[in-house]
């Protein structure tokens, strides 16, 4: 099984996207927050792009201001329906605050578990 990769340089939006439909496991997340305040990467178990603010994320990664993170997951974080993602500007689970362009650079290494 070959690992797959998803990368995005945030646009001026909530950056909602479907990375992959179907069973998916995250192996590693690399994220950089260039903004002067915290940003939030949200992962959703969905077969379509998430409706940010309505859909509830499975996991939220807080990126403190002006920091980078590498998050290796010893045991894959698994998603049954598919892997959706969003990047927002506030902490609540139902947040839909857009970030500014280039605030966050995200790189996700994942496995197709089909």
N, C-alpha and C. Protein backbone atom coordinates (compact mmCIF):
# COMPACT_ATOMS: atom_id res chain seq x y z
N UNK A 1 0.85 -1.18 0.00
CA UNK A 1 0.00 0.00 0.00
C UNK A 1 0.89 1.24 0.00
N UNK A 2 0.72 2.08 -1.01
CA UNK A 2 1.52 3.30 -1.11
C UNK A 2 0.84 4.44 -0.35
N UNK A 3 1.63 5.15 0.38
CA UNK A 3 1.10 6.31 1.10
C UNK A 3 0.75 7.40 0.10
N UNK A 4 -0.29 8.15 0.43
CA UNK A 4 -0.72 9.27 -0.41
C UNK A 4 -0.46 10.57 0.36
N UNK A 5 -0.47 11.67 -0.39
CA UNK A 5 -0.18 12.96 0.22
C UNK A 5 -1.18 14.01 -0.24
N UNK A 6 -1.51 14.89 0.69
CA UNK A 6 -2.39 16.03 0.40
C UNK A 6 -1.69 17.26 0.93
N UNK A 7 -1.64 18.31 0.12
CA UNK A 7 -1.04 19.55 0.62
C UNK A 7 -1.88 20.73 0.17
N UNK A 8 -1.89 21.75 1.02
CA UNK A 8 -2.64 22.96 0.70
C UNK A 8 -1.96 24.15 1.37
N UNK A 9 -1.93 25.26 0.66
CA UNK A 9 -1.54 26.56 1.21
C UNK A 9 -2.86 27.30 1.34
N UNK A 10 -3.27 27.62 2.55
CA UNK A 10 -4.61 28.13 2.82
C UNK A 10 -4.98 29.32 1.94
N UNK A 11 -6.22 29.27 1.49
CA UNK A 11 -6.83 30.40 0.79
C UNK A 11 -7.58 31.25 1.81
N UNK A 12 -8.10 32.38 1.39
CA UNK A 12 -8.89 33.24 2.27
C UNK A 12 -10.30 32.65 2.36
N UNK A 13 -10.42 31.56 3.12
CA UNK A 13 -11.70 30.85 3.28
C UNK A 13 -11.55 29.90 4.46
N UNK A 14 -12.51 28.97 4.60
CA UNK A 14 -12.36 27.93 5.63
C UNK A 14 -11.65 26.71 5.06
N UNK A 15 -11.31 26.74 3.77
CA UNK A 15 -10.52 25.70 3.12
C UNK A 15 -11.11 24.31 3.21
N UNK A 16 -12.45 24.21 3.25
CA UNK A 16 -13.11 22.92 3.32
C UNK A 16 -12.83 22.10 2.07
N UNK A 17 -12.44 20.84 2.26
CA UNK A 17 -12.12 19.97 1.12
C UNK A 17 -12.30 18.51 1.52
N UNK A 18 -12.59 17.70 0.52
CA UNK A 18 -12.58 16.25 0.70
C UNK A 18 -11.23 15.77 0.20
N UNK A 19 -10.44 15.19 1.10
CA UNK A 19 -9.14 14.65 0.70
C UNK A 19 -9.34 13.33 -0.03
N UNK A 20 -10.19 12.46 0.54
CA UNK A 20 -10.46 11.16 -0.10
C UNK A 20 -11.77 10.59 0.43
N UNK A 21 -12.58 10.03 -0.47
CA UNK A 21 -13.80 9.32 -0.07
C UNK A 21 -13.43 7.88 0.25
N UNK A 22 -14.14 7.28 1.18
CA UNK A 22 -13.90 5.90 1.56
C UNK A 22 -12.95 5.80 2.74
N UNK A 23 -12.76 4.58 3.25
CA UNK A 23 -11.92 4.37 4.42
C UNK A 23 -10.50 4.93 4.23
N UNK A 24 -10.09 5.76 5.18
CA UNK A 24 -8.81 6.47 5.09
C UNK A 24 -8.17 6.53 6.46
N UNK A 25 -6.85 6.42 6.52
CA UNK A 25 -6.12 6.56 7.77
C UNK A 25 -5.04 7.61 7.64
N UNK A 26 -4.98 8.53 8.60
CA UNK A 26 -3.92 9.55 8.61
C UNK A 26 -2.69 8.96 9.28
N UNK A 27 -1.54 9.11 8.64
CA UNK A 27 -0.29 8.63 9.21
C UNK A 27 0.50 9.77 9.88
N UNK A 28 0.59 10.91 9.20
CA UNK A 28 1.35 12.05 9.72
C UNK A 28 0.74 13.35 9.22
N UNK A 29 0.79 14.36 10.07
CA UNK A 29 0.34 15.70 9.69
C UNK A 29 1.49 16.67 9.94
N UNK A 30 1.78 17.47 8.93
CA UNK A 30 2.75 18.56 9.06
C UNK A 30 1.95 19.85 8.85
N UNK A 31 2.09 20.82 9.74
CA UNK A 31 1.34 22.06 9.60
C UNK A 31 2.19 23.23 10.05
N UNK A 32 2.07 24.33 9.31
CA UNK A 32 2.76 25.57 9.65
C UNK A 32 1.72 26.68 9.74
N UNK A 33 1.75 27.42 10.84
CA UNK A 33 0.87 28.56 11.02
C UNK A 33 1.72 29.83 10.94
N UNK A 34 1.57 30.59 9.87
CA UNK A 34 2.33 31.83 9.69
C UNK A 34 1.62 33.04 10.28
N UNK A 35 0.40 32.84 10.78
CA UNK A 35 -0.41 33.94 11.30
C UNK A 35 0.04 34.35 12.71
N UNK A 36 -0.37 35.55 13.10
CA UNK A 36 -0.03 36.08 14.43
C UNK A 36 -0.98 35.61 15.51
N UNK A 37 -1.95 34.76 15.15
CA UNK A 37 -2.85 34.17 16.14
C UNK A 37 -3.09 32.70 15.77
N UNK A 38 -3.65 31.95 16.71
CA UNK A 38 -3.86 30.52 16.51
C UNK A 38 -4.78 30.25 15.32
N UNK A 39 -4.56 29.09 14.69
CA UNK A 39 -5.42 28.59 13.62
C UNK A 39 -5.74 27.13 13.95
N UNK A 40 -6.79 26.58 13.34
CA UNK A 40 -7.30 25.27 13.73
C UNK A 40 -7.52 24.40 12.49
N UNK A 41 -6.88 23.24 12.46
CA UNK A 41 -7.07 22.27 11.38
C UNK A 41 -8.07 21.25 11.89
N UNK A 42 -9.13 21.04 11.11
CA UNK A 42 -10.23 20.16 11.50
C UNK A 42 -10.33 19.00 10.52
N UNK A 43 -10.46 17.78 11.06
CA UNK A 43 -10.62 16.59 10.23
C UNK A 43 -12.01 16.01 10.45
N UNK A 44 -12.67 15.64 9.35
CA UNK A 44 -14.05 15.16 9.37
C UNK A 44 -14.14 13.77 8.75
N UNK A 45 -15.02 12.94 9.29
CA UNK A 45 -15.31 11.62 8.72
C UNK A 45 -16.52 11.78 7.81
N UNK A 46 -16.25 12.10 6.53
CA UNK A 46 -17.31 12.40 5.56
C UNK A 46 -16.95 11.86 4.19
N UNK A 47 -17.96 11.53 3.40
CA UNK A 47 -17.74 11.09 2.02
C UNK A 47 -17.77 12.26 1.04
N UNK A 48 -18.08 13.46 1.57
CA UNK A 48 -18.11 14.69 0.78
C UNK A 48 -17.36 15.77 1.55
N UNK A 49 -17.10 16.88 0.88
CA UNK A 49 -16.45 18.00 1.58
C UNK A 49 -17.30 18.41 2.78
N UNK A 50 -16.68 18.74 3.89
CA UNK A 50 -17.45 19.09 5.09
C UNK A 50 -18.20 20.42 4.94
N UNK A 51 -19.33 20.49 5.63
CA UNK A 51 -20.05 21.75 5.78
C UNK A 51 -19.56 22.33 7.11
N UNK A 52 -18.57 23.18 7.03
CA UNK A 52 -17.92 23.70 8.23
C UNK A 52 -18.90 24.60 8.99
N UNK A 53 -18.98 24.39 10.29
CA UNK A 53 -19.92 25.12 11.12
C UNK A 53 -21.15 24.28 11.43
N UNK A 54 -21.42 23.27 10.59
CA UNK A 54 -22.55 22.35 10.80
C UNK A 54 -22.04 20.96 11.15
N UNK A 55 -21.15 20.41 10.32
CA UNK A 55 -20.58 19.08 10.59
C UNK A 55 -19.64 19.15 11.78
N UNK A 56 -19.62 18.09 12.56
CA UNK A 56 -18.76 18.04 13.74
C UNK A 56 -17.45 17.32 13.39
N UNK A 57 -16.32 17.96 13.63
CA UNK A 57 -15.04 17.32 13.31
C UNK A 57 -14.74 16.15 14.25
N UNK A 58 -13.99 15.19 13.73
CA UNK A 58 -13.52 14.05 14.53
C UNK A 58 -12.32 14.47 15.37
N UNK A 59 -11.48 15.32 14.78
CA UNK A 59 -10.27 15.78 15.47
C UNK A 59 -9.98 17.21 15.07
N UNK A 60 -9.45 17.98 16.02
CA UNK A 60 -9.05 19.37 15.78
C UNK A 60 -7.63 19.54 16.27
N UNK A 61 -6.78 20.08 15.42
CA UNK A 61 -5.40 20.36 15.79
C UNK A 61 -5.24 21.86 15.94
N UNK A 62 -4.83 22.29 17.12
CA UNK A 62 -4.58 23.71 17.36
C UNK A 62 -3.16 24.05 16.94
N UNK A 63 -3.03 25.08 16.11
CA UNK A 63 -1.72 25.57 15.69
C UNK A 63 -1.50 26.93 16.34
N UNK A 64 -0.68 26.99 17.39
CA UNK A 64 -0.41 28.27 18.01
C UNK A 64 0.19 29.26 17.00
N UNK A 65 0.11 30.53 17.32
CA UNK A 65 0.62 31.58 16.43
C UNK A 65 2.08 31.34 16.07
N UNK A 66 2.39 31.55 14.81
CA UNK A 66 3.77 31.51 14.30
C UNK A 66 4.53 30.25 14.70
N UNK A 67 3.90 29.08 14.51
CA UNK A 67 4.56 27.82 14.86
C UNK A 67 4.36 26.78 13.76
N UNK A 68 5.17 25.75 13.83
CA UNK A 68 5.03 24.59 12.96
C UNK A 68 4.87 23.36 13.84
N UNK A 69 4.14 22.36 13.33
CA UNK A 69 3.95 21.11 14.05
C UNK A 69 4.11 19.94 13.10
N UNK A 70 4.73 18.88 13.61
CA UNK A 70 4.71 17.59 12.95
C UNK A 70 4.03 16.65 13.92
N UNK A 71 3.00 15.96 13.45
CA UNK A 71 2.25 15.07 14.32
C UNK A 71 2.27 13.67 13.71
N UNK A 72 3.24 12.85 14.14
CA UNK A 72 3.24 11.46 13.67
C UNK A 72 2.23 10.67 14.49
N UNK A 73 1.43 9.88 13.82
CA UNK A 73 0.42 9.08 14.50
C UNK A 73 0.85 7.62 14.46
N UNK A 74 1.28 7.12 15.60
CA UNK A 74 1.77 5.74 15.67
C UNK A 74 0.72 4.77 15.15
N UNK A 75 -0.52 5.00 15.53
CA UNK A 75 -1.65 4.21 15.03
C UNK A 75 -2.51 5.17 14.24
N UNK A 76 -2.72 4.85 12.98
CA UNK A 76 -3.47 5.75 12.10
C UNK A 76 -4.76 6.24 12.75
N UNK A 77 -5.04 7.51 12.51
CA UNK A 77 -6.34 8.08 12.85
C UNK A 77 -7.24 7.69 11.68
N UNK A 78 -8.24 6.84 11.92
CA UNK A 78 -9.01 6.25 10.83
C UNK A 78 -10.37 6.90 10.64
N UNK A 79 -10.76 7.01 9.38
CA UNK A 79 -12.03 7.60 8.98
C UNK A 79 -12.76 6.59 8.11
N UNK A 80 -13.99 6.27 8.44
CA UNK A 80 -14.76 5.24 7.74
C UNK A 80 -15.34 5.74 6.42
N UNK A 81 -15.99 6.89 6.43
CA UNK A 81 -16.68 7.41 5.25
C UNK A 81 -15.74 8.10 4.27
N UNK A 82 -14.75 8.78 4.79
CA UNK A 82 -13.81 9.54 3.98
C UNK A 82 -13.13 10.57 4.85
N UNK A 83 -12.14 11.23 4.30
CA UNK A 83 -11.35 12.20 5.05
C UNK A 83 -11.60 13.60 4.51
N UNK A 84 -12.26 14.42 5.33
CA UNK A 84 -12.49 15.82 5.00
C UNK A 84 -11.64 16.69 5.89
N UNK A 85 -11.36 17.91 5.44
CA UNK A 85 -10.50 18.81 6.18
C UNK A 85 -11.02 20.24 6.05
N UNK A 86 -10.71 21.05 7.05
CA UNK A 86 -10.98 22.49 7.01
C UNK A 86 -9.94 23.18 7.87
N UNK A 87 -9.72 24.46 7.61
CA UNK A 87 -8.80 25.27 8.41
C UNK A 87 -9.57 26.53 8.80
N UNK A 88 -9.69 26.75 10.11
CA UNK A 88 -10.48 27.89 10.58
C UNK A 88 -9.69 28.75 11.57
N UNK A 89 -10.32 29.87 11.94
CA UNK A 89 -9.63 30.85 12.77
C UNK A 89 -10.02 30.89 14.22
N UNK A 90 -10.97 30.04 14.66
CA UNK A 90 -11.38 30.05 16.07
C UNK A 90 -11.57 28.62 16.57
N UNK A 91 -11.63 28.48 17.89
CA UNK A 91 -11.58 27.17 18.52
C UNK A 91 -12.87 26.35 18.57
N UNK A 92 -14.06 26.93 18.70
CA UNK A 92 -15.24 26.09 18.89
C UNK A 92 -15.42 25.06 17.79
N UNK A 93 -15.99 23.89 18.16
CA UNK A 93 -16.19 22.81 17.18
C UNK A 93 -17.03 23.27 15.99
N UNK A 94 -17.96 24.19 16.20
CA UNK A 94 -18.82 24.64 15.11
C UNK A 94 -18.30 25.92 14.46
N UNK A 95 -17.03 26.24 14.64
CA UNK A 95 -16.47 27.47 14.07
C UNK A 95 -16.38 27.38 12.55
N UNK A 96 -16.64 28.49 11.89
CA UNK A 96 -16.53 28.60 10.45
C UNK A 96 -15.81 29.89 10.06
N UNK A 97 -14.89 30.35 10.91
CA UNK A 97 -14.16 31.58 10.64
C UNK A 97 -13.11 31.35 9.57
N UNK A 98 -13.20 32.13 8.49
CA UNK A 98 -12.20 32.03 7.43
C UNK A 98 -10.84 32.50 7.92
N UNK A 99 -9.80 31.90 7.39
CA UNK A 99 -8.44 32.37 7.65
C UNK A 99 -8.01 33.23 6.47
N UNK A 100 -6.91 33.92 6.62
CA UNK A 100 -6.36 34.72 5.51
C UNK A 100 -5.52 33.83 4.61
N UNK A 101 -5.36 34.26 3.38
CA UNK A 101 -4.53 33.50 2.43
C UNK A 101 -3.13 33.33 2.99
N UNK A 102 -2.61 32.14 2.87
CA UNK A 102 -1.25 31.76 3.26
C UNK A 102 -1.03 31.70 4.78
N UNK A 103 -2.10 31.78 5.57
CA UNK A 103 -1.94 31.64 7.03
C UNK A 103 -1.38 30.28 7.40
N UNK A 104 -1.89 29.22 6.76
CA UNK A 104 -1.53 27.85 7.13
C UNK A 104 -1.10 27.07 5.89
N UNK A 105 -0.01 26.35 6.04
CA UNK A 105 0.41 25.38 5.04
C UNK A 105 0.25 24.01 5.69
N UNK A 106 -0.49 23.13 5.02
CA UNK A 106 -0.84 21.83 5.59
C UNK A 106 -0.39 20.72 4.63
N UNK A 107 0.20 19.67 5.21
CA UNK A 107 0.64 18.52 4.45
C UNK A 107 0.21 17.29 5.24
N UNK A 108 -0.61 16.44 4.63
CA UNK A 108 -1.15 15.25 5.31
C UNK A 108 -0.69 14.01 4.55
N UNK A 109 -0.11 13.07 5.28
CA UNK A 109 0.27 11.77 4.71
C UNK A 109 -0.80 10.79 5.17
N UNK A 110 -1.41 10.09 4.20
CA UNK A 110 -2.53 9.22 4.55
C UNK A 110 -2.51 7.93 3.74
N UNK A 111 -3.29 6.96 4.21
CA UNK A 111 -3.40 5.66 3.56
C UNK A 111 -4.83 5.42 3.12
N UNK A 112 -4.98 4.82 1.95
CA UNK A 112 -6.27 4.36 1.47
C UNK A 112 -6.50 3.00 2.14
N UNK A 113 -7.52 2.88 2.96
CA UNK A 113 -7.78 1.65 3.71
C UNK A 113 -8.81 0.76 3.04
N UNK A 114 -9.14 1.02 1.79
CA UNK A 114 -10.13 0.20 1.06
C UNK A 114 -9.57 -1.16 0.78
